[in-house]
C-alpha atoms as a PDB file:
ATOM      1  CA  MET A   1      75.858 105.045  82.069  1.00  0.00           C
ATOM      2  CA  SER A   2      76.963 101.719  83.527  1.00  0.00           C
ATOM      3  CA  GLU A   3      80.620 102.812  83.422  1.00  0.00           C
ATOM      4  CA  ALA A   4      80.176 105.556  86.028  1.00  0.00           C
ATOM      5  CA  PRO A   5      79.230 103.289  88.971  1.00  0.00           C
ATOM      6  CA  SER A   6      82.001 100.804  88.134  1.00  0.00           C
ATOM      7  CA  ARG A   7      84.562 103.633  87.917  1.00  0.00           C
ATOM      8  CA  VAL A   8      83.375 105.015  91.262  1.00  0.00           C
ATOM      9  CA  SER A   9      83.633 101.598  92.914  1.00  0.00           C
ATOM     10  CA  GLU A  10      87.101 101.101  91.384  1.00  0.00           C
ATOM     11  CA  VAL A  11      88.371 104.402  92.827  1.00  0.00           C
ATOM     12  CA  ALA A  12      86.631 103.738  96.148  1.00  0.00           C
ATOM     13  CA  SER A  13      88.158 100.263  96.466  1.00  0.00           C
ATOM     14  CA  ARG A  14      91.646 101.660  95.855  1.00  0.00           C
ATOM     15  CA  TRP A  15      91.069 104.470  98.323  1.00  0.00           C
ATOM     16  CA  THR A  16      90.187 102.072 101.177  1.00  0.00           C
ATOM     17  CA  ALA A  17      93.776 100.754 101.179  1.00  0.00           C
ATOM     18  CA  VAL A  18      95.240 104.210 101.905  1.00  0.00           C
ATOM     19  CA  PRO A  19      95.822 104.935 105.628  1.00  0.00           C
ATOM     20  CA  GLY A  20      93.143 107.039 107.302  1.00  0.00           C
ATOM     21  CA  GLY A  21      93.526 110.698 108.219  1.00  0.00           C
ATOM     22  CA  VAL A  22      95.374 111.647 105.044  1.00  0.00           C
ATOM     23  CA  VAL A  23      92.661 113.835 103.521  1.00  0.00           C
ATOM     24  CA  ASP A  24      90.971 116.619 105.482  1.00  0.00           C
ATOM     25  CA  GLY A  25      87.446 118.006 105.171  1.00  0.00           C
ATOM     26  CA  GLY A  26      86.442 119.463 101.827  1.00  0.00           C
ATOM     27  CA  GLU A  27      89.217 117.736  99.926  1.00  0.00           C
ATOM     28  CA  ILE A  28      88.164 115.633  96.972  1.00  0.00           C
ATOM     29  CA  VAL A  29      90.346 112.743  95.859  1.00  0.00           C
ATOM     30  CA  ILE A  30      90.790 112.973  92.100  1.00  0.00           C
ATOM     31  CA  LEU A  31      93.319 110.202  91.723  1.00  0.00           C
ATOM     32  CA  ALA A  32      94.683 107.465  94.008  1.00  0.00           C
ATOM     33  CA  ILE A  33      97.399 105.390  92.329  1.00  0.00           C
ATOM     34  CA  LYS A  34     100.281 103.091  93.113  1.00  0.00           C
ATOM     35  CA  PRO A  35     103.511 102.796  91.183  1.00  0.00           C
ATOM     36  CA  SER A  36     103.521  99.982  88.643  1.00  0.00           C
ATOM     37  CA  LEU A  37     104.355  96.488  89.848  1.00  0.00           C
ATOM     38  CA  TRP A  38     107.502  96.845  87.747  1.00  0.00           C
ATOM     39  CA  ARG A  39     108.824  99.347  90.329  1.00  0.00           C
ATOM     40  CA  PRO A  40     110.309  96.716  92.703  1.00  0.00           C
ATOM     41  CA  VAL A  41     112.088  95.083  89.766  1.00  0.00           C
ATOM     42  CA  VAL A  42     113.457  98.456  88.615  1.00  0.00           C
ATOM     43  CA  ASP A  43     114.573  99.285  92.187  1.00  0.00           C
ATOM     44  CA  SER A  44     116.336  95.924  92.529  1.00  0.00           C
ATOM     45  CA  ALA A  45     117.747  95.616  89.019  1.00  0.00           C
ATOM     46  CA  ALA A  46     121.298  96.634  89.940  1.00  0.00           C
ATOM     47  CA  TRP A  47     121.361  94.165  92.839  1.00  0.00           C
ATOM     48  CA  ILE A  48     119.976  91.355  90.689  1.00  0.00           C
ATOM     49  CA  VAL A  49     122.425  91.956  87.822  1.00  0.00           C
ATOM     50  CA  THR A  50     125.373  92.245  90.221  1.00  0.00           C
ATOM     51  CA  ALA A  51     124.361  89.050  92.036  1.00  0.00           C
ATOM     52  CA  LEU A  52     124.021  87.161  88.755  1.00  0.00           C
ATOM     53  CA  ALA A  53     127.438  88.397  87.570  1.00  0.00           C
ATOM     54  CA  PHE A  54     129.066  87.552  90.906  1.00  0.00           C
ATOM     55  CA  THR A  55     127.432  84.100  90.969  1.00  0.00           C
ATOM     56  CA  THR A  56     128.567  83.444  87.398  1.00  0.00           C
ATOM     57  CA  ALA A  57     132.104  84.520  88.297  1.00  0.00           C
ATOM     58  CA  LEU A  58     132.087  82.252  91.373  1.00  0.00           C
ATOM     59  CA  LEU A  59     130.931  79.265  89.338  1.00  0.00           C
ATOM     60  CA  ILE A  60     133.327  79.863  86.414  1.00  0.00           C
ATOM     61  CA  MET A  61     136.365  80.407  88.630  1.00  0.00           C
ATOM     62  CA  GLY A  62     135.325  77.634  90.991  1.00  0.00           C
ATOM     63  CA  LYS A  63     136.277  79.709  94.035  1.00  0.00           C
ATOM     64  CA  PRO A  64     133.632  79.660  96.779  1.00  0.00           C
ATOM     65  CA  ILE A  65     133.258  82.088  99.659  1.00  0.00           C
ATOM     66  CA  PRO A  66     135.731  80.898 102.346  1.00  0.00           C
ATOM     67  CA  GLY A  67     134.129  78.337 104.651  1.00  0.00           C
ATOM     68  CA  LEU A  68     131.257  77.517 102.257  1.00  0.00           C
ATOM     69  CA  SER A  69     130.815  75.121  99.375  1.00  0.00           C
ATOM     70  CA  LEU A  70     130.592  76.466  95.827  1.00  0.00           C
ATOM     71  CA  THR A  71     126.871  75.728  95.604  1.00  0.00           C
ATOM     72  CA  THR A  72     126.137  77.341  98.962  1.00  0.00           C
ATOM     73  CA  SER A  73     128.205  80.393  97.996  1.00  0.00           C
ATOM     74  CA  ALA A  74     126.216  80.849  94.782  1.00  0.00           C
ATOM     75  CA  GLN A  75     122.920  80.365  96.623  1.00  0.00           C
ATOM     76  CA  LEU A  76     123.921  82.901  99.276  1.00  0.00           C
ATOM     77  CA  VAL A  77     124.730  85.548  96.669  1.00  0.00           C
ATOM     78  CA  LEU A  78     121.434  84.946  94.889  1.00  0.00           C
ATOM     79  CA  LEU A  79     119.606  85.047  98.239  1.00  0.00           C
ATOM     80  CA  VAL A  80     120.952  88.567  98.828  1.00  0.00           C
ATOM     81  CA  ALA A  81     119.451  89.711  95.509  1.00  0.00           C
ATOM     82  CA  LEU A  82     116.173  87.987  96.356  1.00  0.00           C
ATOM     83  CA  ALA A  83     116.110  89.695  99.780  1.00  0.00           C
ATOM     84  CA  ARG A  84     116.608  93.084  98.095  1.00  0.00           C
ATOM     85  CA  LEU A  85     113.711  92.323  95.760  1.00  0.00           C
ATOM     86  CA  ALA A  86     111.545  91.356  98.755  1.00  0.00           C
ATOM     87  CA  VAL A  87     112.339  94.670 100.475  1.00  0.00           C
ATOM     88  CA  ALA A  88     111.468  96.554  97.270  1.00  0.00           C
ATOM     89  CA  ILE A  89     108.143  94.697  97.057  1.00  0.00           C
ATOM     90  CA  LEU A  90     107.328  95.614 100.662  1.00  0.00           C
ATOM     91  CA  ARG A  91     108.127  99.271  99.931  1.00  0.00           C
ATOM     92  CA  TRP A  92     105.956  99.150  96.798  1.00  0.00           C
ATOM     93  CA  THR A  93     103.044  97.600  98.690  1.00  0.00           C
ATOM     94  CA  THR A  94     102.859 100.507 101.126  1.00  0.00           C
ATOM     95  CA  THR A  95     103.293 103.329  98.597  1.00  0.00           C
ATOM     96  CA  TRP A  96     100.377 105.462  97.387  1.00  0.00           C
ATOM     97  CA  HIS A  97     100.206 108.679  95.388  1.00  0.00           C
ATOM     98  CA  LEU A  98      97.125 110.849  95.765  1.00  0.00           C
ATOM     99  CA  LEU A  99      95.921 113.838  93.819  1.00  0.00           C
ATOM    100  CA  THR A 100      93.205 115.897  95.451  1.00  0.00           C
ATOM    101  CA  ASN A 101      91.607 119.168  94.464  1.00  0.00           C
ATOM    102  CA  ARG A 102      94.081 120.935  96.803  1.00  0.00           C
ATOM    103  CA  ARG A 103      97.352 119.008  96.895  1.00  0.00           C
ATOM    104  CA  ILE A 104      99.475 116.050  95.887  1.00  0.00           C
ATOM    105  CA  ILE A 105     100.154 113.516  98.612  1.00  0.00           C
ATOM    106  CA  ASP A 106     102.747 110.744  98.841  1.00  0.00           C
ATOM    107  CA  VAL A 107     102.013 108.053 101.430  1.00  0.00           C
ATOM    108  CA  HIS A 108     104.665 105.482 102.381  1.00  0.00           C
ATOM    109  CA  GLY A 109     103.982 102.909 105.085  1.00  0.00           C
ATOM    110  CA  VAL A 110     100.954 101.529 106.905  1.00  0.00           C
ATOM    111  CA  ARG A 111     101.333 101.512 110.694  1.00  0.00           C
ATOM    112  CA  ALA A 112     103.118 104.855 110.902  1.00  0.00           C
ATOM    113  CA  PRO A 113     102.763 106.275 107.406  1.00  0.00           C
ATOM    114  CA  ILE A 114     105.192 108.880 106.170  1.00  0.00           C
ATOM    115  CA  ILE A 115     103.135 111.509 104.407  1.00  0.00           C
ATOM    116  CA  ARG A 116     104.626 114.174 102.141  1.00  0.00           C
ATOM    117  CA  ASP A 117     102.342 116.678 100.522  1.00  0.00           C
ATOM    118  CA  CYS A 118     102.444 119.860  98.522  1.00  0.00           C
ATOM    119  CA  LEU A 119      99.665 122.303  97.777  1.00  0.00           C
ATOM    120  CA  LEU A 120      98.796 122.422  94.088  1.00  0.00           C
ATOM    121  CA  VAL A 121      99.091 126.220  94.098  1.00  0.00           C
ATOM    122  CA  ARG A 122     102.737 125.846  95.248  1.00  0.00           C
ATOM    123  CA  ILE A 123     103.687 123.620  92.300  1.00  0.00           C
ATOM    124  CA  ARG A 124     105.504 125.687  89.701  1.00  0.00           C
ATOM    125  CA  ASN A 125     106.162 123.016  87.123  1.00  0.00           C
ATOM    126  CA  THR A 126     105.681 119.344  86.380  1.00  0.00           C
ATOM    127  CA  TYR A 127     107.413 117.256  83.819  1.00  0.00           C
ATOM    128  CA  LEU A 128     107.398 113.720  82.588  1.00  0.00           C
ATOM    129  CA  ARG A 129     110.555 111.641  82.428  1.00  0.00           C
ATOM    130  CA  SER A 130     111.157 108.031  81.417  1.00  0.00           C
ATOM    131  CA  SER A 131     114.281 105.999  82.012  1.00  0.00           C
ATOM    132  CA  ILE A 132     115.272 103.310  79.528  1.00  0.00           C
ATOM    133  CA  VAL A 133     113.702 100.623  81.703  1.00  0.00           C
ATOM    134  CA  GLU A 134     110.531 102.660  82.166  1.00  0.00           C
ATOM    135  CA  ARG A 135     110.216 103.203  78.412  1.00  0.00           C
ATOM    136  CA  ALA A 136     110.602  99.460  77.827  1.00  0.00           C
ATOM    137  CA  THR A 137     107.733  98.784  80.249  1.00  0.00           C
ATOM    138  CA  ALA A 138     105.545 101.743  79.095  1.00  0.00           C
ATOM    139  CA  LEU A 139     105.932 103.628  82.361  1.00  0.00           C
ATOM    140  CA  GLY A 140     106.963 107.139  83.291  1.00  0.00           C
ATOM    141  CA  THR A 141     108.027 109.295  86.223  1.00  0.00           C
ATOM    142  CA  ILE A 142     106.255 112.552  87.035  1.00  0.00           C
ATOM    143  CA  ILE A 143     108.412 115.214  88.698  1.00  0.00           C
ATOM    144  CA  PHE A 144     106.841 118.081  90.653  1.00  0.00           C
ATOM    145  CA  VAL A 145     108.855 121.266  91.175  1.00  0.00           C
ATOM    146  CA  SER A 146     107.456 123.521  93.879  1.00  0.00           C
ATOM    147  CA  ASP A 147     108.306 127.037  94.980  1.00  0.00           C
ATOM    148  CA  GLU A 148     109.488 125.669  98.344  1.00  0.00           C
ATOM    149  CA  PRO A 149     113.278 125.582  97.935  1.00  0.00           C
ATOM    150  CA  GLU A 150     113.864 123.762 101.246  1.00  0.00           C
ATOM    151  CA  HIS A 151     111.941 120.725  99.997  1.00  0.00           C
ATOM    152  CA  SER A 152     113.257 118.336  97.398  1.00  0.00           C
ATOM    153  CA  PRO A 153     111.017 117.872  94.359  1.00  0.00           C
ATOM    154  CA  HIS A 154     108.249 115.304  94.635  1.00  0.00           C
ATOM    155  CA  ALA A 155     108.431 112.430  92.176  1.00  0.00           C
ATOM    156  CA  TRP A 156     105.936 109.743  91.294  1.00  0.00           C
ATOM    157  CA  TYR A 157     108.071 106.908  89.908  1.00  0.00           C
ATOM    158  CA  SER A 158     107.035 104.135  87.505  1.00  0.00           C
ATOM    159  CA  ILE A 159     103.496 105.296  86.815  1.00  0.00           C
ATOM    160  CA  ALA A 160     101.474 103.369  84.245  1.00  0.00           C
ATOM    161  CA  GLY A 161      99.741 105.667  81.765  1.00  0.00           C
ATOM    162  CA  ALA A 162     101.972 108.519  82.867  1.00  0.00           C
ATOM    163  CA  ASP A 163     100.864 110.814  80.020  1.00  0.00           C
ATOM    164  CA  GLU A 164      97.217 110.587  81.071  1.00  0.00           C
ATOM    165  CA  VAL A 165      98.046 110.953  84.772  1.00  0.00           C
ATOM    166  CA  HIS A 166     100.252 113.954  84.008  1.00  0.00           C
ATOM    167  CA  SER A 167      97.382 115.589  82.088  1.00  0.00           C
ATOM    168  CA  LYS A 168      95.033 115.091  85.050  1.00  0.00           C
ATOM    169  CA  ILE A 169      97.601 116.626  87.381  1.00  0.00           C
ATOM    170  CA  ARG A 170      98.089 119.640  85.105  1.00  0.00           C
ATOM    171  CA  ARG A 171      94.286 120.184  84.966  1.00  0.00           C
ATOM    172  CA  ALA A 172      94.039 119.921  88.761  1.00  0.00           C
ATOM    173  CA  ILE A 173      96.847 122.470  89.184  1.00  0.00           C
ATOM    174  CA  GLU A 174      95.158 124.864  86.751  1.00  0.00           C
ATOM    175  CA  ASN A 175      91.826 124.463  88.581  1.00  0.00           C
ATOM    176  CA  ALA A 176      93.496 125.075  91.953  1.00  0.00           C
ATOM    177  CA  LEU A 177      95.212 128.199  90.627  1.00  0.00           C
ATOM    178  CA  ASP A 178      91.901 129.441  89.197  1.00  0.00           C
ATOM    179  CA  GLN A 179      90.173 128.851  92.566  1.00  0.00           C
ATOM    180  CA  SER A 180      92.909 130.673  94.485  1.00  0.00           C
ATOM    181  CA  THR A 181      92.525 133.820  92.381  1.00  0.00           C
ATOM    182  CA  VAL A 182      88.758 133.976  92.918  1.00  0.00           C
END
């Protein structure tokens, strides 16, 4: 019995970070999640690997960027990778995925949030996908395919416990479809 109040407070505390005005009257939030903290690292991996390779090549060949010392050149290249990681962290911080009894909602941003949503009854299929990096970190991506051809599929990237989240989404879709036929 003590688990129920703690679970409610956990969901409520997460929900307070989502920008206001996202959910309308009568909608019940079933799930409010963020991508895993690994997401910024995954987003920046190519930049980080390229910067490390370029820095290594600079140091081995001993050829700095013209007008800079070798050390400064290496630091500048690594700073670019660090800046890309910082941008990815800022994007991660402002990203939320919501599942309500009526729709899925993607929220990106705080001051002027970009909100994409799709009614659950319009979702035709969902599937779970994991890249090599996601599998190594026990994450998964959930893809939503809707019957709205003009919209690209929704995707929730780098979700921890993706199997469980996917099951909750499937149940919510089934419930929404059952309610729409009543």
